[in-house]
C-alpha atoms as a PDB file:
ATOM      1  CA  UNK A   1      21.952 -44.383  36.388  1.00  0.00           C
ATOM      2  CA  UNK A   2      20.300 -43.041  33.147  1.00  0.00           C
ATOM      3  CA  UNK A   3      21.620 -40.597  30.568  1.00  0.00           C
ATOM      4  CA  UNK A   4      19.373 -37.694  28.610  1.00  0.00           C
ATOM      5  CA  UNK A   5      20.649 -36.163  25.312  1.00  0.00           C
ATOM      6  CA  UNK A   6      20.550 -32.484  25.062  1.00  0.00           C
ATOM      7  CA  UNK A   7      20.718 -30.518  21.963  1.00  0.00           C
ATOM      8  CA  UNK A   8      21.752 -26.905  21.986  1.00  0.00           C
ATOM      9  CA  UNK A   9      20.621 -24.358  19.543  1.00  0.00           C
ATOM     10  CA  UNK A  10      21.380 -21.024  18.797  1.00  0.00           C
ATOM     11  CA  UNK A  11      19.110 -18.300  19.581  1.00  0.00           C
ATOM     12  CA  UNK A  12      16.953 -16.885  16.375  1.00  0.00           C
ATOM     13  CA  UNK A  13      14.040 -15.982  14.576  1.00  0.00           C
ATOM     14  CA  UNK A  14      13.753 -16.189  11.091  1.00  0.00           C
ATOM     15  CA  UNK A  15      10.656 -14.628   9.296  1.00  0.00           C
ATOM     16  CA  UNK A  16      10.193 -16.685   5.966  1.00  0.00           C
ATOM     17  CA  UNK A  17       7.065 -15.720   4.696  1.00  0.00           C
ATOM     18  CA  UNK A  18       4.322 -13.027   5.287  1.00  0.00           C
ATOM     19  CA  UNK A  19       1.924 -13.272   2.544  1.00  0.00           C
ATOM     20  CA  UNK A  20       1.319  -9.486   1.899  1.00  0.00           C
ATOM     21  CA  UNK A  21       0.373  -8.704  -1.637  1.00  0.00           C
ATOM     22  CA  UNK A  22       1.630  -5.578  -3.408  1.00  0.00           C
ATOM     23  CA  UNK A  23       2.204  -4.369  -0.199  1.00  0.00           C
ATOM     24  CA  UNK A  24      -1.105  -4.406   1.132  1.00  0.00           C
ATOM     25  CA  UNK A  25      -3.260  -6.639   3.025  1.00  0.00           C
ATOM     26  CA  UNK A  26      -7.036  -6.569   2.218  1.00  0.00           C
ATOM     27  CA  UNK A  27      -9.863  -6.293   4.689  1.00  0.00           C
ATOM     28  CA  UNK A  28     -11.276  -9.628   5.604  1.00  0.00           C
ATOM     29  CA  UNK A  29      -8.424 -11.482   4.311  1.00  0.00           C
ATOM     30  CA  UNK A  30      -6.450 -14.046   6.248  1.00  0.00           C
ATOM     31  CA  UNK A  31      -2.411 -13.964   5.653  1.00  0.00           C
ATOM     32  CA  UNK A  32      -0.035 -16.742   5.982  1.00  0.00           C
ATOM     33  CA  UNK A  33       3.027 -16.266   8.563  1.00  0.00           C
ATOM     34  CA  UNK A  34       5.682 -18.883   8.536  1.00  0.00           C
ATOM     35  CA  UNK A  35       9.412 -18.934   9.849  1.00  0.00           C
ATOM     36  CA  UNK A  36      12.050 -20.499  12.245  1.00  0.00           C
ATOM     37  CA  UNK A  37      12.431 -19.950  15.960  1.00  0.00           C
ATOM     38  CA  UNK A  38      14.571 -22.720  17.227  1.00  0.00           C
ATOM     39  CA  UNK A  39      14.089 -23.620  20.923  1.00  0.00           C
ATOM     40  CA  UNK A  40      10.692 -22.059  21.414  1.00  0.00           C
ATOM     41  CA  UNK A  41       7.334 -23.244  21.903  1.00  0.00           C
ATOM     42  CA  UNK A  42       5.618 -20.539  20.452  1.00  0.00           C
ATOM     43  CA  UNK A  43       5.908 -17.073  18.951  1.00  0.00           C
ATOM     44  CA  UNK A  44       3.584 -14.096  19.366  1.00  0.00           C
ATOM     45  CA  UNK A  45       2.227 -11.863  16.384  1.00  0.00           C
ATOM     46  CA  UNK A  46       1.160  -8.638  17.385  1.00  0.00           C
ATOM     47  CA  UNK A  47      -0.478  -6.072  15.132  1.00  0.00           C
ATOM     48  CA  UNK A  48      -0.346  -2.303  15.749  1.00  0.00           C
ATOM     49  CA  UNK A  49      -2.911  -0.130  14.282  1.00  0.00           C
ATOM     50  CA  UNK A  50      -2.858   3.131  12.258  1.00  0.00           C
ATOM     51  CA  UNK A  51      -4.676   4.786  15.325  1.00  0.00           C
ATOM     52  CA  UNK A  52      -2.785   2.787  18.076  1.00  0.00           C
ATOM     53  CA  UNK A  53      -5.313   0.008  18.546  1.00  0.00           C
ATOM     54  CA  UNK A  54      -3.339  -3.195  19.494  1.00  0.00           C
ATOM     55  CA  UNK A  55      -4.130  -6.848  19.089  1.00  0.00           C
ATOM     56  CA  UNK A  56      -1.949 -10.070  19.275  1.00  0.00           C
ATOM     57  CA  UNK A  57      -2.070 -13.856  18.814  1.00  0.00           C
ATOM     58  CA  UNK A  58       0.314 -16.904  19.013  1.00  0.00           C
ATOM     59  CA  UNK A  59       1.565 -19.705  16.638  1.00  0.00           C
ATOM     60  CA  UNK A  60       3.142 -22.801  17.778  1.00  0.00           C
ATOM     61  CA  UNK A  61       6.668 -24.047  16.956  1.00  0.00           C
ATOM     62  CA  UNK A  62       7.149 -27.596  16.501  1.00  0.00           C
ATOM     63  CA  UNK A  63      10.108 -29.877  17.408  1.00  0.00           C
ATOM     64  CA  UNK A  64      11.938 -28.622  14.337  1.00  0.00           C
ATOM     65  CA  UNK A  65      11.772 -25.085  15.369  1.00  0.00           C
ATOM     66  CA  UNK A  66       9.310 -24.317  12.414  1.00  0.00           C
ATOM     67  CA  UNK A  67       5.967 -22.183  13.140  1.00  0.00           C
ATOM     68  CA  UNK A  68       3.489 -21.543  10.269  1.00  0.00           C
ATOM     69  CA  UNK A  69      -0.382 -20.476  10.512  1.00  0.00           C
ATOM     70  CA  UNK A  70      -2.244 -19.696   7.358  1.00  0.00           C
ATOM     71  CA  UNK A  71      -5.251 -18.296   8.935  1.00  0.00           C
ATOM     72  CA  UNK A  72      -4.004 -15.212  10.751  1.00  0.00           C
ATOM     73  CA  UNK A  73      -6.200 -12.473  10.997  1.00  0.00           C
ATOM     74  CA  UNK A  74      -5.121  -8.639  10.936  1.00  0.00           C
ATOM     75  CA  UNK A  75      -7.104  -7.829  14.401  1.00  0.00           C
ATOM     76  CA  UNK A  76      -9.673  -9.725  16.373  1.00  0.00           C
ATOM     77  CA  UNK A  77      -7.527 -12.167  17.614  1.00  0.00           C
ATOM     78  CA  UNK A  78      -6.536 -12.671  21.360  1.00  0.00           C
ATOM     79  CA  UNK A  79      -7.939  -9.136  22.413  1.00  0.00           C
ATOM     80  CA  UNK A  80     -10.633  -9.160  19.957  1.00  0.00           C
ATOM     81  CA  UNK A  81      -9.403  -5.720  19.145  1.00  0.00           C
ATOM     82  CA  UNK A  82     -10.429  -4.456  15.602  1.00  0.00           C
ATOM     83  CA  UNK A  83      -7.490  -2.834  13.435  1.00  0.00           C
ATOM     84  CA  UNK A  84      -8.369   0.490  11.582  1.00  0.00           C
ATOM     85  CA  UNK A  85      -7.398   0.502   7.886  1.00  0.00           C
ATOM     86  CA  UNK A  86      -4.172   2.251   7.118  1.00  0.00           C
ATOM     87  CA  UNK A  87      -0.582   1.337   7.834  1.00  0.00           C
ATOM     88  CA  UNK A  88      -0.460  -1.605   9.836  1.00  0.00           C
ATOM     89  CA  UNK A  89       2.755  -2.583  11.866  1.00  0.00           C
ATOM     90  CA  UNK A  90       3.141  -6.231  12.356  1.00  0.00           C
ATOM     91  CA  UNK A  91       5.444  -7.721  14.362  1.00  0.00           C
ATOM     92  CA  UNK A  92       6.577 -11.680  15.075  1.00  0.00           C
ATOM     93  CA  UNK A  93       8.349 -12.017  18.672  1.00  0.00           C
ATOM     94  CA  UNK A  94      10.257 -14.720  20.344  1.00  0.00           C
ATOM     95  CA  UNK A  95      11.762 -15.183  23.718  1.00  0.00           C
ATOM     96  CA  UNK A  96      15.462 -15.390  23.984  1.00  0.00           C
ATOM     97  CA  UNK A  97      17.251 -18.232  26.138  1.00  0.00           C
ATOM     98  CA  UNK A  98      16.209 -17.220  29.510  1.00  0.00           C
ATOM     99  CA  UNK A  99      12.449 -18.243  28.658  1.00  0.00           C
ATOM    100  CA  UNK A 100      10.859 -14.713  29.789  1.00  0.00           C
ATOM    101  CA  UNK A 101       9.653 -11.669  27.769  1.00  0.00           C
ATOM    102  CA  UNK A 102      12.136  -8.797  28.615  1.00  0.00           C
ATOM    103  CA  UNK A 103      13.595  -9.197  32.073  1.00  0.00           C
ATOM    104  CA  UNK A 104      10.935 -11.121  33.580  1.00  0.00           C
ATOM    105  CA  UNK A 105       9.384  -8.543  35.602  1.00  0.00           C
ATOM    106  CA  UNK A 106       6.237  -6.946  34.452  1.00  0.00           C
ATOM    107  CA  UNK A 107       4.055  -4.136  36.523  1.00  0.00           C
ATOM    108  CA  UNK A 108       5.952  -5.552  39.811  1.00  0.00           C
ATOM    109  CA  UNK A 109       5.297  -9.150  39.069  1.00  0.00           C
ATOM    110  CA  UNK A 110       8.063 -11.652  38.617  1.00  0.00           C
ATOM    111  CA  UNK A 111       8.053 -14.653  36.696  1.00  0.00           C
ATOM    112  CA  UNK A 112       8.554 -17.628  38.511  1.00  0.00           C
ATOM    113  CA  UNK A 113      10.334 -21.192  38.013  1.00  0.00           C
ATOM    114  CA  UNK A 114       8.070 -21.696  35.212  1.00  0.00           C
ATOM    115  CA  UNK A 115       9.136 -18.473  33.503  1.00  0.00           C
ATOM    116  CA  UNK A 116       6.389 -16.780  31.078  1.00  0.00           C
ATOM    117  CA  UNK A 117       4.008 -19.649  32.339  1.00  0.00           C
ATOM    118  CA  UNK A 118       3.761 -18.712  35.623  1.00  0.00           C
ATOM    119  CA  UNK A 119       0.193 -17.805  36.721  1.00  0.00           C
ATOM    120  CA  UNK A 120       0.709 -14.716  38.558  1.00  0.00           C
ATOM    121  CA  UNK A 121       2.935 -13.573  35.667  1.00  0.00           C
ATOM    122  CA  UNK A 122       0.849 -14.705  33.305  1.00  0.00           C
ATOM    123  CA  UNK A 123      -2.173 -12.336  34.914  1.00  0.00           C
ATOM    124  CA  UNK A 124       0.000  -9.279  34.549  1.00  0.00           C
ATOM    125  CA  UNK A 125       1.170 -10.111  31.285  1.00  0.00           C
ATOM    126  CA  UNK A 126      -2.584 -10.143  30.060  1.00  0.00           C
ATOM    127  CA  UNK A 127      -3.360  -7.149  31.799  1.00  0.00           C
ATOM    128  CA  UNK A 128      -0.483  -5.230  30.360  1.00  0.00           C
ATOM    129  CA  UNK A 129      -1.600  -5.930  26.635  1.00  0.00           C
ATOM    130  CA  UNK A 130      -5.283  -5.354  27.386  1.00  0.00           C
ATOM    131  CA  UNK A 131      -4.421  -2.014  29.035  1.00  0.00           C
ATOM    132  CA  UNK A 132      -2.898  -0.673  25.619  1.00  0.00           C
ATOM    133  CA  UNK A 133      -6.250  -0.205  24.459  1.00  0.00           C
ATOM    134  CA  UNK A 134      -7.574   1.438  27.603  1.00  0.00           C
ATOM    135  CA  UNK A 135      -5.325   4.667  26.943  1.00  0.00           C
ATOM    136  CA  UNK A 136      -5.334   6.699  24.164  1.00  0.00           C
ATOM    137  CA  UNK A 137      -2.066   6.178  22.487  1.00  0.00           C
ATOM    138  CA  UNK A 138      -0.342   6.767  18.843  1.00  0.00           C
ATOM    139  CA  UNK A 139       0.655   3.835  16.766  1.00  0.00           C
ATOM    140  CA  UNK A 140       4.716   4.698  17.842  1.00  0.00           C
ATOM    141  CA  UNK A 141       3.748   4.838  21.384  1.00  0.00           C
ATOM    142  CA  UNK A 142       2.079   1.649  21.873  1.00  0.00           C
ATOM    143  CA  UNK A 143       5.547   0.079  19.854  1.00  0.00           C
ATOM    144  CA  UNK A 144       7.714   2.032  22.265  1.00  0.00           C
ATOM    145  CA  UNK A 145       5.462   0.690  25.349  1.00  0.00           C
ATOM    146  CA  UNK A 146       5.637  -2.893  24.177  1.00  0.00           C
ATOM    147  CA  UNK A 147       9.513  -3.020  23.202  1.00  0.00           C
ATOM    148  CA  UNK A 148      10.124  -1.325  26.571  1.00  0.00           C
ATOM    149  CA  UNK A 149       9.010  -4.453  28.391  1.00  0.00           C
ATOM    150  CA  UNK A 150      10.324  -6.774  25.838  1.00  0.00           C
ATOM    151  CA  UNK A 151      13.299  -6.362  23.055  1.00  0.00           C
ATOM    152  CA  UNK A 152      14.309  -2.911  24.699  1.00  0.00           C
ATOM    153  CA  UNK A 153      13.903  -4.112  28.396  1.00  0.00           C
ATOM    154  CA  UNK A 154      17.385  -4.038  30.412  1.00  0.00           C
ATOM    155  CA  UNK A 155      19.120  -7.325  29.500  1.00  0.00           C
ATOM    156  CA  UNK A 156      16.673  -8.940  27.338  1.00  0.00           C
ATOM    157  CA  UNK A 157      17.709 -11.165  24.804  1.00  0.00           C
ATOM    158  CA  UNK A 158      14.239 -11.205  23.092  1.00  0.00           C
ATOM    159  CA  UNK A 159      14.068 -10.876  19.383  1.00  0.00           C
ATOM    160  CA  UNK A 160      11.537  -9.287  17.089  1.00  0.00           C
ATOM    161  CA  UNK A 161      11.022  -9.154  13.489  1.00  0.00           C
ATOM    162  CA  UNK A 162       8.807  -6.208  11.879  1.00  0.00           C
ATOM    163  CA  UNK A 163       6.589  -5.865   8.812  1.00  0.00           C
ATOM    164  CA  UNK A 164       4.622  -2.917   7.481  1.00  0.00           C
ATOM    165  CA  UNK A 165       2.076  -3.274   5.033  1.00  0.00           C
ATOM    166  CA  UNK A 166      -1.293  -1.146   4.150  1.00  0.00           C
ATOM    167  CA  UNK A 167      -4.627  -2.436   5.432  1.00  0.00           C
ATOM    168  CA  UNK A 168      -7.365  -1.654   3.196  1.00  0.00           C
ATOM    169  CA  UNK A 169     -10.425  -2.601   1.180  1.00  0.00           C
ATOM    170  CA  UNK A 170     -10.184  -5.612  -1.148  1.00  0.00           C
ATOM    171  CA  UNK A 171      -8.818  -4.214  -4.752  1.00  0.00           C
ATOM    172  CA  UNK A 172      -8.602  -5.793  -8.031  1.00  0.00           C
ATOM    173  CA  UNK A 173      -8.058  -4.004 -10.905  1.00  0.00           C
ATOM    174  CA  UNK A 174      -7.762  -4.591 -15.015  1.00  0.00           C
ATOM    175  CA  UNK A 175      -4.536  -2.883 -16.552  1.00  0.00           C
ATOM    176  CA  UNK A 176      -4.561  -3.994 -20.180  1.00  0.00           C
ATOM    177  CA  UNK A 177      -6.454  -6.208 -22.745  1.00  0.00           C
ATOM    178  CA  UNK A 178      -4.363  -7.283 -25.936  1.00  0.00           C
ATOM    179  CA  UNK A 179      -3.215 -10.331 -28.020  1.00  0.00           C
ATOM    180  CA  UNK A 180      -0.479 -11.141 -29.823  1.00  0.00           C
ATOM    181  CA  UNK A 181      -1.004  -9.431 -33.240  1.00  0.00           C
ATOM    182  CA  UNK A 182      -2.495  -6.187 -31.640  1.00  0.00           C
ATOM    183  CA  UNK A 183      -1.444  -3.246 -29.467  1.00  0.00           C
ATOM    184  CA  UNK A 184      -2.748  -2.525 -26.083  1.00  0.00           C
ATOM    185  CA  UNK A 185      -6.740  -2.694 -25.522  1.00  0.00           C
ATOM    186  CA  UNK A 186      -7.436  -4.026 -29.113  1.00  0.00           C
ATOM    187  CA  UNK A 187      -7.500  -7.515 -29.956  1.00  0.00           C
ATOM    188  CA  UNK A 188      -7.580  -9.454 -33.261  1.00  0.00           C
ATOM    189  CA  UNK A 189     -10.495 -11.602 -33.792  1.00  0.00           C
ATOM    190  CA  UNK A 190      -9.145 -15.344 -33.583  1.00  0.00           C
ATOM    191  CA  UNK A 191      -6.325 -14.555 -31.526  1.00  0.00           C
ATOM    192  CA  UNK A 192      -6.178 -15.491 -27.554  1.00  0.00           C
ATOM    193  CA  UNK A 193      -7.125 -12.542 -25.657  1.00  0.00           C
ATOM    194  CA  UNK A 194      -4.999 -11.809 -22.464  1.00  0.00           C
ATOM    195  CA  UNK A 195      -6.525  -9.797 -19.499  1.00  0.00           C
ATOM    196  CA  UNK A 196      -4.016  -8.705 -16.987  1.00  0.00           C
ATOM    197  CA  UNK A 197      -4.143  -6.647 -13.919  1.00  0.00           C
ATOM    198  CA  UNK A 198      -3.361  -6.055 -10.363  1.00  0.00           C
ATOM    199  CA  UNK A 199      -4.937  -7.390  -7.086  1.00  0.00           C
ATOM    200  CA  UNK A 200      -3.980  -6.973  -3.056  1.00  0.00           C
ATOM    201  CA  UNK A 201      -6.168 -10.207  -2.142  1.00  0.00           C
ATOM    202  CA  UNK A 202      -4.541 -13.417  -1.319  1.00  0.00           C
ATOM    203  CA  UNK A 203      -3.385 -15.814  -4.134  1.00  0.00           C
ATOM    204  CA  UNK A 204      -4.625 -19.432  -3.454  1.00  0.00           C
ATOM    205  CA  UNK A 205      -7.246 -18.026  -1.354  1.00  0.00           C
ATOM    206  CA  UNK A 206      -9.231 -15.673  -4.038  1.00  0.00           C
ATOM    207  CA  UNK A 207     -10.302 -16.493  -7.550  1.00  0.00           C
ATOM    208  CA  UNK A 208     -10.392 -13.634  -9.893  1.00  0.00           C
ATOM    209  CA  UNK A 209     -13.080 -14.221 -12.723  1.00  0.00           C
ATOM    210  CA  UNK A 210     -12.906 -12.546 -16.142  1.00  0.00           C
ATOM    211  CA  UNK A 211     -15.884 -12.049 -18.332  1.00  0.00           C
ATOM    212  CA  UNK A 212     -16.851  -9.953 -21.137  1.00  0.00           C
ATOM    213  CA  UNK A 213     -20.163  -8.546 -20.052  1.00  0.00           C
ATOM    214  CA  UNK A 214     -20.897  -6.446 -23.072  1.00  0.00           C
ATOM    215  CA  UNK A 215     -20.585  -6.234 -27.073  1.00  0.00           C
ATOM    216  CA  UNK A 216     -21.919  -7.409 -30.126  1.00  0.00           C
ATOM    217  CA  UNK A 217     -21.073 -11.221 -29.562  1.00  0.00           C
ATOM    218  CA  UNK A 218     -19.931 -11.509 -25.903  1.00  0.00           C
ATOM    219  CA  UNK A 219     -21.562 -14.781 -25.142  1.00  0.00           C
ATOM    220  CA  UNK A 220     -18.947 -16.126 -27.513  1.00  0.00           C
ATOM    221  CA  UNK A 221     -16.175 -15.538 -24.771  1.00  0.00           C
ATOM    222  CA  UNK A 222     -15.851 -17.998 -21.944  1.00  0.00           C
ATOM    223  CA  UNK A 223     -15.513 -17.502 -18.519  1.00  0.00           C
ATOM    224  CA  UNK A 224     -12.019 -17.939 -17.275  1.00  0.00           C
ATOM    225  CA  UNK A 225     -10.193 -17.430 -13.724  1.00  0.00           C
ATOM    226  CA  UNK A 226      -7.341 -17.530 -11.744  1.00  0.00           C
ATOM    227  CA  UNK A 227      -6.067 -17.856  -8.267  1.00  0.00           C
ATOM    228  CA  UNK A 228      -2.386 -17.763  -8.617  1.00  0.00           C
ATOM    229  CA  UNK A 229      -0.066 -14.398  -8.657  1.00  0.00           C
ATOM    230  CA  UNK A 230       2.999 -13.210  -7.014  1.00  0.00           C
ATOM    231  CA  UNK A 231       3.621 -11.146  -4.303  1.00  0.00           C
ATOM    232  CA  UNK A 232       3.362  -8.168  -6.436  1.00  0.00           C
ATOM    233  CA  UNK A 233      -0.401  -9.059  -6.957  1.00  0.00           C
ATOM    234  CA  UNK A 234       0.246  -9.166 -11.147  1.00  0.00           C
ATOM    235  CA  UNK A 235      -2.434 -11.587 -12.378  1.00  0.00           C
ATOM    236  CA  UNK A 236      -3.581 -12.417 -15.910  1.00  0.00           C
ATOM    237  CA  UNK A 237      -6.093 -14.452 -17.579  1.00  0.00           C
ATOM    238  CA  UNK A 238      -6.676 -15.599 -21.396  1.00  0.00           C
ATOM    239  CA  UNK A 239      -9.818 -15.908 -23.314  1.00  0.00           C
ATOM    240  CA  UNK A 240     -10.368 -17.702 -26.762  1.00  0.00           C
ATOM    241  CA  UNK A 241     -11.750 -15.115 -29.436  1.00  0.00           C
ATOM    242  CA  UNK A 242     -12.758 -17.633 -31.985  1.00  0.00           C
ATOM    243  CA  UNK A 243     -16.098 -16.874 -33.721  1.00  0.00           C
ATOM    244  CA  UNK A 244     -15.940 -13.438 -31.895  1.00  0.00           C
ATOM    245  CA  UNK A 245     -17.024 -10.308 -34.264  1.00  0.00           C
ATOM    246  CA  UNK A 246     -15.363  -7.093 -34.309  1.00  0.00           C
ATOM    247  CA  UNK A 247     -16.862  -4.665 -32.259  1.00  0.00           C
ATOM    248  CA  UNK A 248     -16.334  -2.580 -28.886  1.00  0.00           C
ATOM    249  CA  UNK A 249     -16.471  -4.778 -25.670  1.00  0.00           C
ATOM    250  CA  UNK A 250     -16.371  -4.339 -22.028  1.00  0.00           C
ATOM    251  CA  UNK A 251     -14.600  -7.263 -19.553  1.00  0.00           C
ATOM    252  CA  UNK A 252     -15.122  -7.461 -16.140  1.00  0.00           C
ATOM    253  CA  UNK A 253     -12.866  -8.905 -13.281  1.00  0.00           C
ATOM    254  CA  UNK A 254     -14.289 -10.069  -9.924  1.00  0.00           C
ATOM    255  CA  UNK A 255     -12.656 -11.369  -6.683  1.00  0.00           C
ATOM    256  CA  UNK A 256     -15.737 -11.639  -4.968  1.00  0.00           C
ATOM    257  CA  UNK A 257     -15.288  -8.450  -3.099  1.00  0.00           C
ATOM    258  CA  UNK A 258     -14.233  -5.828  -5.698  1.00  0.00           C
ATOM    259  CA  UNK A 259     -14.755  -5.640  -9.030  1.00  0.00           C
ATOM    260  CA  UNK A 260     -13.268  -3.691 -12.333  1.00  0.00           C
ATOM    261  CA  UNK A 261     -14.459  -2.898 -16.217  1.00  0.00           C
ATOM    262  CA  UNK A 262     -12.409  -2.477 -19.016  1.00  0.00           C
ATOM    263  CA  UNK A 263     -13.304  -1.769 -22.426  1.00  0.00           C
ATOM    264  CA  UNK A 264     -11.186  -2.855 -25.652  1.00  0.00           C
ATOM    265  CA  UNK A 265     -11.857  -3.381 -29.072  1.00  0.00           C
ATOM    266  CA  UNK A 266     -12.027  -6.477 -31.541  1.00  0.00           C
ATOM    267  CA  UNK A 267     -10.633  -6.128 -34.864  1.00  0.00           C
ATOM    268  CA  UNK A 268     -10.699  -8.339 -37.961  1.00  0.00           C
ATOM    269  CA  UNK A 269      -7.370 -10.355 -38.828  1.00  0.00           C
ATOM    270  CA  UNK A 270      -5.813  -8.502 -41.799  1.00  0.00           C
ATOM    271  CA  UNK A 271      -5.384 -10.984 -44.523  1.00  0.00           C
ATOM    272  CA  UNK A 272      -2.174 -12.353 -45.389  1.00  0.00           C
ATOM    273  CA  UNK A 273      -0.250 -10.522 -47.846  1.00  0.00           C
ATOM    274  CA  UNK A 274      -0.110 -12.343 -51.250  1.00  0.00           C
ATOM    275  CA  UNK A 275       3.536 -13.363 -51.738  1.00  0.00           C
ATOM    276  CA  UNK A 276       5.332 -11.524 -54.484  1.00  0.00           C
ATOM    277  CA  UNK A 277       5.962 -13.660 -57.412  1.00  0.00           C
ATOM    278  CA  UNK A 278       9.613 -14.604 -58.394  1.00  0.00           C
ATOM    279  CA  UNK A 279      10.812 -12.764 -61.862  1.00  0.00           C
ATOM    280  CA  UNK A 280      10.923 -14.952 -64.805  1.00  0.00           C
ATOM    281  CA  UNK A 281      14.546 -15.545 -65.829  1.00  0.00           C
ATOM    282  CA  UNK A 282      15.905 -13.761 -68.585  1.00  0.00           C
ATOM    283  CA  UNK A 283      16.861 -15.929 -71.565  1.00  0.00           C
ATOM    284  CA  UNK A 284      20.344 -15.607 -72.751  1.00  0.00           C
ATOM    285  CA  UNK A 285      21.704 -15.528 -76.496  1.00  0.00           C
ATOM    286  CA  UNK A 286      25.030 -15.949 -77.377  1.00  0.00           C
ATOM    287  CA  UNK A 287      26.178 -14.895 -80.844  1.00  0.00           C
ATOM    288  CA  UNK A 288      29.015 -16.306 -82.938  1.00  0.00           C
ATOM    289  CA  UNK A 289      31.526 -13.933 -84.454  1.00  0.00           C
ATOM    290  CA  UNK A 290      32.944 -16.489 -86.968  1.00  0.00           C
ATOM    291  CA  UNK A 291      31.685 -15.979 -90.783  1.00  0.00           C
END
């Protein structure tokens, strides 16, 4: 005889990471999708464009039930379908315990013993998704049509998580330029200058380079850059102002696809006030009343 160990896992889908920055994804950027789907071999990632276009790809699930891909494109995946700019819906989908999508029947073809891997079902499956782009549909109509054959199908135990974001051109902007001893848009010569702004680019994959491009002694400023910011897209860079003369300056932030310029002023440091001298103590005189 022989023994085989089996491990039962709960049906679930957890979406841990979708690298959307400031609610946006820049055209041309690749995003990271990470999560957990116990008991599955793969999950599918679908994109629903604002004009009804549809595209999809898949991510393999490892033996620990984890999936991760940091090179996901918005569109131009398995179906080669571009996605228009605007509000995009992205879904991550996992089959349930039965191993088939929906009720296991699609366009009159039923999944065989191999579930979704059955060749005839795979062909019907591919035709269904390819045909979504052949008929003019709205974004919501495509969402409804896909869900009717998957999560909303009769008896389905499939799971799907959705994320919405704006799909637009790359944008990096400067909001403020300041230093510790000055107000916004004014920098005190000799202080450390901080340039701050917002971007929709992917942190870790994009460098924002900051350079002073105009001003009396602009060459005294060194270049600096950053590739780290949070999901809110707020970034900052510091520049040394040692040796910089007072005057009007312009700084530029460039992410390789977009840029922004910002005017600021450098002023002289105010001299330290002279300390107020301590008053001289008054001499006291004691009179003796005795004769």
